[in-house]
Amino acid sequence: MSTEPLTAGTDENPLASSPLRRRAGKRWWGVAAAAVIAGSLAGVGVTRLARPSDTLHATSNQIITSTGGVFDKGNGQTAPAWSLPSLRAPANTVALSQFHGTPLVINFWASWCPPCRKEMPALAATGRRLTGKVDFVGVDTNDQHGAALSFAAKTGVAYPLAFDPHATAAGNYAVYGLPTTFFVSADGKILGRQVGGMTEERLAQLITQNFGTQTGTTNPAG
């Protein structure tokens, strides 16, 4: 499998022959375009993954731009269920259901994605600091297993990592580009989505904003 990001409509794209080819709503494409533009202007990259489905297109009325990309509020939709092999132990599974009852940060990433690599240390550090208060899970998307495992080990990520080589979960979440991070309530509702990489300060701000949890950073306002 190529380690380069896929684009829609190619034979190599595992999303191209699935229901994900359905035309996404105009509002979602506005959000996606805003994410790419804002990310470029702020110097924070967004790597295009593939054309998304319209399963979970944005419906919020406010798009908030920041130095960490673009954040859009959720509308209370239930986070789509998923169950995937563990990146570290493929015989085991990592599933959304195991995090029910605790606020959850879901980060869609890949080892070939430069902004994913840049933001991962912030996720790793914050995840360790909030153990027992906020859960973190990473979904390695459209990636090579060995490359992803090696990068995760170097970064020191301690939270669970799922392996999604065909971008199945990413499609269900209408992920347009990487990295994309979802903030999910303890009862499984999507509170918001960040498109583009984050600094540790920006991540802290979004966790406080969505969950009301202080992260212990020196400057949570970002």
C-alpha atoms as a PDB file:
ATOM      1  CA  MET A   1       0.000   0.000   0.000  1.00  0.00           C
ATOM      2  CA  SER A   2       1.237   3.422  -0.908  1.00  0.00           C
ATOM      3  CA  THR A   3       2.145   5.706   1.936  1.00  0.00           C
ATOM      4  CA  GLU A   4       1.044   8.736  -0.033  1.00  0.00           C
ATOM      5  CA  PRO A   5      -2.345  10.309   0.745  1.00  0.00           C
ATOM      6  CA  LEU A   6      -5.127   9.101  -1.542  1.00  0.00           C
ATOM      7  CA  THR A   7      -7.317  11.260  -3.693  1.00  0.00           C
ATOM      8  CA  ALA A   8     -10.875  10.469  -4.685  1.00  0.00           C
ATOM      9  CA  GLY A   9     -11.674   8.657  -7.889  1.00  0.00           C
ATOM     10  CA  THR A  10      -8.515   6.534  -8.251  1.00  0.00           C
ATOM     11  CA  ASP A  11      -8.487   2.761  -8.491  1.00  0.00           C
ATOM     12  CA  GLU A  12      -6.096   2.613  -5.552  1.00  0.00           C
ATOM     13  CA  ASN A  13      -8.432   4.550  -3.291  1.00  0.00           C
ATOM     14  CA  PRO A  14     -10.231   2.122  -0.975  1.00  0.00           C
ATOM     15  CA  LEU A  15     -12.992   4.681  -0.576  1.00  0.00           C
ATOM     16  CA  ALA A  16     -13.646   5.055  -4.292  1.00  0.00           C
ATOM     17  CA  SER A  17     -15.784   1.913  -4.710  1.00  0.00           C
ATOM     18  CA  SER A  18     -17.788   2.354  -1.494  1.00  0.00           C
ATOM     19  CA  PRO A  19     -20.895   4.385  -0.599  1.00  0.00           C
ATOM     20  CA  LEU A  20     -18.485   7.155   0.316  1.00  0.00           C
ATOM     21  CA  ARG A  21     -18.587   8.277  -3.303  1.00  0.00           C
ATOM     22  CA  ARG A  22     -21.983   9.840  -2.675  1.00  0.00           C
ATOM     23  CA  ARG A  23     -21.912  13.553  -3.171  1.00  0.00           C
ATOM     24  CA  ALA A  24     -21.281  15.423   0.049  1.00  0.00           C
ATOM     25  CA  GLY A  25     -23.534  18.345   0.903  1.00  0.00           C
ATOM     26  CA  LYS A  26     -22.539  21.848  -0.082  1.00  0.00           C
ATOM     27  CA  ARG A  27     -22.221  22.844   3.564  1.00  0.00           C
ATOM     28  CA  TRP A  28     -19.643  20.139   4.232  1.00  0.00           C
ATOM     29  CA  TRP A  29     -17.539  21.214   1.269  1.00  0.00           C
ATOM     30  CA  GLY A  30     -17.641  24.764   2.638  1.00  0.00           C
ATOM     31  CA  VAL A  31     -16.281  23.491   5.939  1.00  0.00           C
ATOM     32  CA  ALA A  32     -13.628  21.407   4.197  1.00  0.00           C
ATOM     33  CA  ALA A  33     -12.524  24.293   2.011  1.00  0.00           C
ATOM     34  CA  ALA A  34     -12.394  26.611   5.003  1.00  0.00           C
ATOM     35  CA  ALA A  35     -10.239  24.099   6.832  1.00  0.00           C
ATOM     36  CA  VAL A  36      -7.723  23.855   4.032  1.00  0.00           C
ATOM     37  CA  ILE A  37      -7.603  27.622   3.475  1.00  0.00           C
ATOM     38  CA  ALA A  38      -7.371  28.465   7.178  1.00  0.00           C
ATOM     39  CA  GLY A  39      -4.740  25.819   7.713  1.00  0.00           C
ATOM     40  CA  SER A  40      -2.650  27.204   4.880  1.00  0.00           C
ATOM     41  CA  LEU A  41      -2.953  30.785   6.110  1.00  0.00           C
ATOM     42  CA  ALA A  42      -2.040  29.793   9.651  1.00  0.00           C
ATOM     43  CA  GLY A  43       0.893  27.692   8.547  1.00  0.00           C
ATOM     44  CA  VAL A  44      -0.715  24.526   9.909  1.00  0.00           C
ATOM     45  CA  GLY A  45      -1.068  21.825   7.290  1.00  0.00           C
ATOM     46  CA  VAL A  46      -4.051  19.667   6.465  1.00  0.00           C
ATOM     47  CA  THR A  47      -3.273  16.621   4.348  1.00  0.00           C
ATOM     48  CA  ARG A  48      -6.129  15.629   2.073  1.00  0.00           C
ATOM     49  CA  LEU A  49      -7.281  12.055   2.603  1.00  0.00           C
ATOM     50  CA  ALA A  50     -10.152  11.360   0.234  1.00  0.00           C
ATOM     51  CA  ARG A  51     -13.592  12.605  -0.665  1.00  0.00           C
ATOM     52  CA  PRO A  52     -15.827  12.054   2.371  1.00  0.00           C
ATOM     53  CA  SER A  53     -19.330  10.685   2.631  1.00  0.00           C
ATOM     54  CA  ASP A  54     -22.193  12.868   3.712  1.00  0.00           C
ATOM     55  CA  THR A  55     -22.814  10.645   6.750  1.00  0.00           C
ATOM     56  CA  LEU A  56     -21.656  13.247   9.235  1.00  0.00           C
ATOM     57  CA  HIS A  57     -21.385  16.530   7.357  1.00  0.00           C
ATOM     58  CA  ALA A  58     -21.179  19.674   9.411  1.00  0.00           C
ATOM     59  CA  THR A  59     -24.384  21.442  10.339  1.00  0.00           C
ATOM     60  CA  SER A  60     -23.125  24.046  12.789  1.00  0.00           C
ATOM     61  CA  ASN A  61     -23.623  27.729  12.088  1.00  0.00           C
ATOM     62  CA  GLN A  62     -20.293  28.920  13.379  1.00  0.00           C
ATOM     63  CA  ILE A  63     -16.839  28.106  12.085  1.00  0.00           C
ATOM     64  CA  ILE A  64     -14.068  29.150  14.458  1.00  0.00           C
ATOM     65  CA  THR A  65     -10.625  29.688  12.957  1.00  0.00           C
ATOM     66  CA  SER A  66      -7.441  29.636  14.995  1.00  0.00           C
ATOM     67  CA  THR A  67      -3.719  29.089  14.697  1.00  0.00           C
ATOM     68  CA  GLY A  68      -4.459  25.384  15.078  1.00  0.00           C
ATOM     69  CA  GLY A  69      -6.628  24.967  11.967  1.00  0.00           C
ATOM     70  CA  VAL A  70     -10.425  25.064  11.987  1.00  0.00           C
ATOM     71  CA  PHE A  71     -12.836  23.944  14.709  1.00  0.00           C
ATOM     72  CA  ASP A  72     -16.545  23.471  14.068  1.00  0.00           C
ATOM     73  CA  LYS A  73     -19.120  22.722  16.719  1.00  0.00           C
ATOM     74  CA  GLY A  74     -21.044  19.481  16.684  1.00  0.00           C
ATOM     75  CA  ASN A  75     -24.830  19.297  16.744  1.00  0.00           C
ATOM     76  CA  GLY A  76     -25.252  16.463  19.215  1.00  0.00           C
ATOM     77  CA  GLN A  77     -25.048  13.610  16.736  1.00  0.00           C
ATOM     78  CA  THR A  78     -24.118  10.229  18.151  1.00  0.00           C
ATOM     79  CA  ALA A  79     -20.556   9.258  17.228  1.00  0.00           C
ATOM     80  CA  PRO A  80     -20.670   6.373  14.710  1.00  0.00           C
ATOM     81  CA  ALA A  81     -19.613   3.075  16.263  1.00  0.00           C
ATOM     82  CA  TRP A  82     -16.422   1.392  15.106  1.00  0.00           C
ATOM     83  CA  SER A  83     -14.300  -1.607  16.064  1.00  0.00           C
ATOM     84  CA  LEU A  84     -10.822  -2.016  14.568  1.00  0.00           C
ATOM     85  CA  PRO A  85      -7.655  -4.054  15.130  1.00  0.00           C
ATOM     86  CA  SER A  86      -5.223  -2.631  17.646  1.00  0.00           C
ATOM     87  CA  LEU A  87      -2.163  -1.118  15.998  1.00  0.00           C
ATOM     88  CA  ARG A  88       0.086  -2.548  18.697  1.00  0.00           C
ATOM     89  CA  ALA A  89      -1.576  -5.970  19.011  1.00  0.00           C
ATOM     90  CA  PRO A  90      -3.558  -6.763  15.830  1.00  0.00           C
ATOM     91  CA  ALA A  91      -5.166  -9.835  17.395  1.00  0.00           C
ATOM     92  CA  ASN A  92      -6.967  -7.497  19.791  1.00  0.00           C
ATOM     93  CA  THR A  93      -9.521  -4.840  18.959  1.00  0.00           C
ATOM     94  CA  VAL A  94     -10.035  -1.205  19.864  1.00  0.00           C
ATOM     95  CA  ALA A  95     -13.671  -0.109  19.790  1.00  0.00           C
ATOM     96  CA  LEU A  96     -15.533   3.120  20.431  1.00  0.00           C
ATOM     97  CA  SER A  97     -17.783   1.343  22.931  1.00  0.00           C
ATOM     98  CA  GLN A  98     -14.927   0.752  25.367  1.00  0.00           C
ATOM     99  CA  PHE A  99     -14.646   4.498  26.032  1.00  0.00           C
ATOM    100  CA  HIS A 100     -18.291   5.090  26.938  1.00  0.00           C
ATOM    101  CA  GLY A 101     -18.695   6.971  30.186  1.00  0.00           C
ATOM    102  CA  THR A 102     -15.629   9.210  29.818  1.00  0.00           C
ATOM    103  CA  PRO A 103     -15.068  12.258  27.581  1.00  0.00           C
ATOM    104  CA  LEU A 104     -13.106  11.121  24.540  1.00  0.00           C
ATOM    105  CA  VAL A 105     -10.692  12.667  22.042  1.00  0.00           C
ATOM    106  CA  ILE A 106     -10.553  10.713  18.761  1.00  0.00           C
ATOM    107  CA  ASN A 107      -7.585  11.619  16.573  1.00  0.00           C
ATOM    108  CA  PHE A 108      -7.502  10.440  12.945  1.00  0.00           C
ATOM    109  CA  TRP A 109      -3.868  10.389  11.802  1.00  0.00           C
ATOM    110  CA  ALA A 110      -1.262   8.637   9.622  1.00  0.00           C
ATOM    111  CA  SER A 111       2.504   8.330   9.732  1.00  0.00           C
ATOM    112  CA  TRP A 112       2.816   9.772   6.199  1.00  0.00           C
ATOM    113  CA  CYS A 113       0.952  12.960   7.227  1.00  0.00           C
ATOM    114  CA  PRO A 114       3.385  15.783   8.181  1.00  0.00           C
ATOM    115  CA  PRO A 115       0.936  17.794  10.342  1.00  0.00           C
ATOM    116  CA  CYS A 116      -0.064  14.571  12.123  1.00  0.00           C
ATOM    117  CA  ARG A 117       3.567  13.931  12.998  1.00  0.00           C
ATOM    118  CA  LYS A 118       3.960  17.505  14.209  1.00  0.00           C
ATOM    119  CA  GLU A 119       0.953  17.449  16.551  1.00  0.00           C
ATOM    120  CA  MET A 120       1.314  13.904  17.918  1.00  0.00           C
ATOM    121  CA  PRO A 121       3.670  14.847  20.798  1.00  0.00           C
ATOM    122  CA  ALA A 122       1.028  17.302  22.064  1.00  0.00           C
ATOM    123  CA  LEU A 123      -1.628  14.587  22.015  1.00  0.00           C
ATOM    124  CA  ALA A 124       0.704  12.115  23.719  1.00  0.00           C
ATOM    125  CA  ALA A 125       1.639  14.537  26.508  1.00  0.00           C
ATOM    126  CA  THR A 126      -1.917  15.718  27.107  1.00  0.00           C
ATOM    127  CA  GLY A 127      -3.254  12.173  27.078  1.00  0.00           C
ATOM    128  CA  ARG A 128      -0.806  11.140  29.786  1.00  0.00           C
ATOM    129  CA  ARG A 129      -1.636  14.200  31.888  1.00  0.00           C
ATOM    130  CA  LEU A 130      -5.413  13.612  31.719  1.00  0.00           C
ATOM    131  CA  THR A 131      -5.429   9.870  32.460  1.00  0.00           C
ATOM    132  CA  GLY A 132      -8.662   9.077  34.281  1.00  0.00           C
ATOM    133  CA  LYS A 133     -10.303  12.362  33.274  1.00  0.00           C
ATOM    134  CA  VAL A 134     -10.356  12.318  29.470  1.00  0.00           C
ATOM    135  CA  ASP A 135      -9.714   9.301  27.257  1.00  0.00           C
ATOM    136  CA  PHE A 136      -7.720   9.507  24.035  1.00  0.00           C
ATOM    137  CA  VAL A 137      -7.690   7.124  21.085  1.00  0.00           C
ATOM    138  CA  GLY A 138      -5.845   7.376  17.788  1.00  0.00           C
ATOM    139  CA  VAL A 139      -7.160   5.913  14.537  1.00  0.00           C
ATOM    140  CA  ASP A 140      -4.263   5.255  12.159  1.00  0.00           C
ATOM    141  CA  THR A 141      -5.809   5.809   8.751  1.00  0.00           C
ATOM    142  CA  ASN A 142      -4.806   4.515   5.296  1.00  0.00           C
ATOM    143  CA  ASP A 143      -1.314   3.718   6.504  1.00  0.00           C
ATOM    144  CA  GLN A 144       1.350   1.024   6.527  1.00  0.00           C
ATOM    145  CA  HIS A 145       1.340  -0.912   9.762  1.00  0.00           C
ATOM    146  CA  GLY A 146       5.104  -0.960  10.298  1.00  0.00           C
ATOM    147  CA  ALA A 147       5.581   2.734   9.620  1.00  0.00           C
ATOM    148  CA  ALA A 148       2.722   3.686  11.912  1.00  0.00           C
ATOM    149  CA  LEU A 149       3.887   1.435  14.730  1.00  0.00           C
ATOM    150  CA  SER A 150       7.439   2.777  14.521  1.00  0.00           C
ATOM    151  CA  PHE A 151       6.324   6.407  14.584  1.00  0.00           C
ATOM    152  CA  ALA A 152       3.938   5.861  17.498  1.00  0.00           C
ATOM    153  CA  ALA A 153       6.716   4.223  19.500  1.00  0.00           C
ATOM    154  CA  LYS A 154       9.113   7.100  18.849  1.00  0.00           C
ATOM    155  CA  THR A 155       6.490   9.630  19.878  1.00  0.00           C
ATOM    156  CA  GLY A 156       5.746   7.889  23.161  1.00  0.00           C
ATOM    157  CA  VAL A 157       1.981   7.629  22.680  1.00  0.00           C
ATOM    158  CA  ALA A 158       0.514   5.620  25.563  1.00  0.00           C
ATOM    159  CA  TYR A 159      -3.198   5.743  24.694  1.00  0.00           C
ATOM    160  CA  PRO A 160      -4.903   3.066  22.533  1.00  0.00           C
ATOM    161  CA  LEU A 161      -4.281   3.123  18.792  1.00  0.00           C
ATOM    162  CA  ALA A 162      -6.558   1.504  16.231  1.00  0.00           C
ATOM    163  CA  PHE A 163      -5.417   0.434  12.756  1.00  0.00           C
ATOM    164  CA  ASP A 164      -7.762   1.392   9.893  1.00  0.00           C
ATOM    165  CA  PRO A 165      -5.863   0.686   6.637  1.00  0.00           C
ATOM    166  CA  HIS A 166      -8.949   1.104   4.436  1.00  0.00           C
ATOM    167  CA  ALA A 167     -10.187   4.311   6.119  1.00  0.00           C
ATOM    168  CA  THR A 168     -13.493   2.706   7.068  1.00  0.00           C
ATOM    169  CA  ALA A 169     -13.970   4.678  10.287  1.00  0.00           C
ATOM    170  CA  ALA A 170     -12.674   7.855   8.650  1.00  0.00           C
ATOM    171  CA  GLY A 171     -15.348   7.526   5.975  1.00  0.00           C
ATOM    172  CA  ASN A 172     -18.114   7.078   8.529  1.00  0.00           C
ATOM    173  CA  TYR A 173     -16.933  10.240  10.269  1.00  0.00           C
ATOM    174  CA  ALA A 174     -16.718  12.186   6.985  1.00  0.00           C
ATOM    175  CA  VAL A 175     -13.022  12.850   7.517  1.00  0.00           C
ATOM    176  CA  TYR A 176     -11.786  14.971   4.616  1.00  0.00           C
ATOM    177  CA  GLY A 177      -8.153  15.382   5.600  1.00  0.00           C
ATOM    178  CA  LEU A 178      -5.623  14.475   8.240  1.00  0.00           C
ATOM    179  CA  PRO A 179      -5.271  15.154  11.031  1.00  0.00           C
ATOM    180  CA  THR A 180      -8.880  15.462  12.134  1.00  0.00           C
ATOM    181  CA  THR A 181      -9.810  15.266  15.807  1.00  0.00           C
ATOM    182  CA  PHE A 182     -13.258  14.717  17.320  1.00  0.00           C
ATOM    183  CA  PHE A 183     -14.357  15.646  20.830  1.00  0.00           C
ATOM    184  CA  VAL A 184     -16.986  13.197  22.074  1.00  0.00           C
ATOM    185  CA  SER A 185     -18.999  13.511  25.284  1.00  0.00           C
ATOM    186  CA  ALA A 186     -19.136  10.807  27.940  1.00  0.00           C
ATOM    187  CA  ASP A 187     -22.505   9.699  26.563  1.00  0.00           C
ATOM    188  CA  GLY A 188     -21.206   9.413  23.006  1.00  0.00           C
ATOM    189  CA  LYS A 189     -22.300  12.709  21.419  1.00  0.00           C
ATOM    190  CA  ILE A 190     -20.033  14.642  19.061  1.00  0.00           C
ATOM    191  CA  LEU A 191     -19.340  18.043  20.596  1.00  0.00           C
ATOM    192  CA  GLY A 192     -16.989  19.304  17.915  1.00  0.00           C
ATOM    193  CA  ARG A 193     -14.364  18.565  15.309  1.00  0.00           C
ATOM    194  CA  GLN A 194     -10.933  20.049  14.711  1.00  0.00           C
ATOM    195  CA  VAL A 195      -9.619  19.903  11.145  1.00  0.00           C
ATOM    196  CA  GLY A 196      -5.864  20.444  10.999  1.00  0.00           C
ATOM    197  CA  GLY A 197      -2.986  20.131  13.408  1.00  0.00           C
ATOM    198  CA  MET A 198      -2.987  21.519  16.947  1.00  0.00           C
ATOM    199  CA  THR A 199      -0.418  22.845  19.353  1.00  0.00           C
ATOM    200  CA  GLU A 200      -0.546  21.592  22.937  1.00  0.00           C
ATOM    201  CA  GLU A 201      -2.042  24.932  23.990  1.00  0.00           C
ATOM    202  CA  ARG A 202      -4.771  24.759  21.352  1.00  0.00           C
ATOM    203  CA  LEU A 203      -5.602  21.178  22.338  1.00  0.00           C
ATOM    204  CA  ALA A 204      -5.877  22.266  25.971  1.00  0.00           C
ATOM    205  CA  GLN A 205      -8.220  25.087  24.976  1.00  0.00           C
ATOM    206  CA  LEU A 206     -10.512  22.761  23.033  1.00  0.00           C
ATOM    207  CA  ILE A 207     -10.599  20.172  25.820  1.00  0.00           C
ATOM    208  CA  THR A 208     -11.607  22.851  28.329  1.00  0.00           C
ATOM    209  CA  GLN A 209     -14.110  24.326  25.888  1.00  0.00           C
ATOM    210  CA  ASN A 210     -15.771  20.989  25.096  1.00  0.00           C
ATOM    211  CA  PHE A 211     -15.409  19.024  28.330  1.00  0.00           C
ATOM    212  CA  GLY A 212     -14.870  21.699  30.984  1.00  0.00           C
ATOM    213  CA  THR A 213     -11.651  19.918  31.965  1.00  0.00           C
ATOM    214  CA  GLN A 214      -8.500  21.827  32.839  1.00  0.00           C
ATOM    215  CA  THR A 215      -5.375  20.227  31.362  1.00  0.00           C
ATOM    216  CA  GLY A 216      -2.688  21.806  33.517  1.00  0.00           C
ATOM    217  CA  THR A 217      -0.906  23.637  30.688  1.00  0.00           C
ATOM    218  CA  THR A 218       0.656  26.988  31.470  1.00  0.00           C
ATOM    219  CA  ASN A 219      -1.298  28.809  28.775  1.00  0.00           C
ATOM    220  CA  PRO A 220      -4.550  26.969  27.962  1.00  0.00           C
ATOM    221  CA  ALA A 221      -5.930  29.931  26.003  1.00  0.00           C
ATOM    222  CA  GLY A 222      -3.538  29.130  23.135  1.00  0.00           C
END
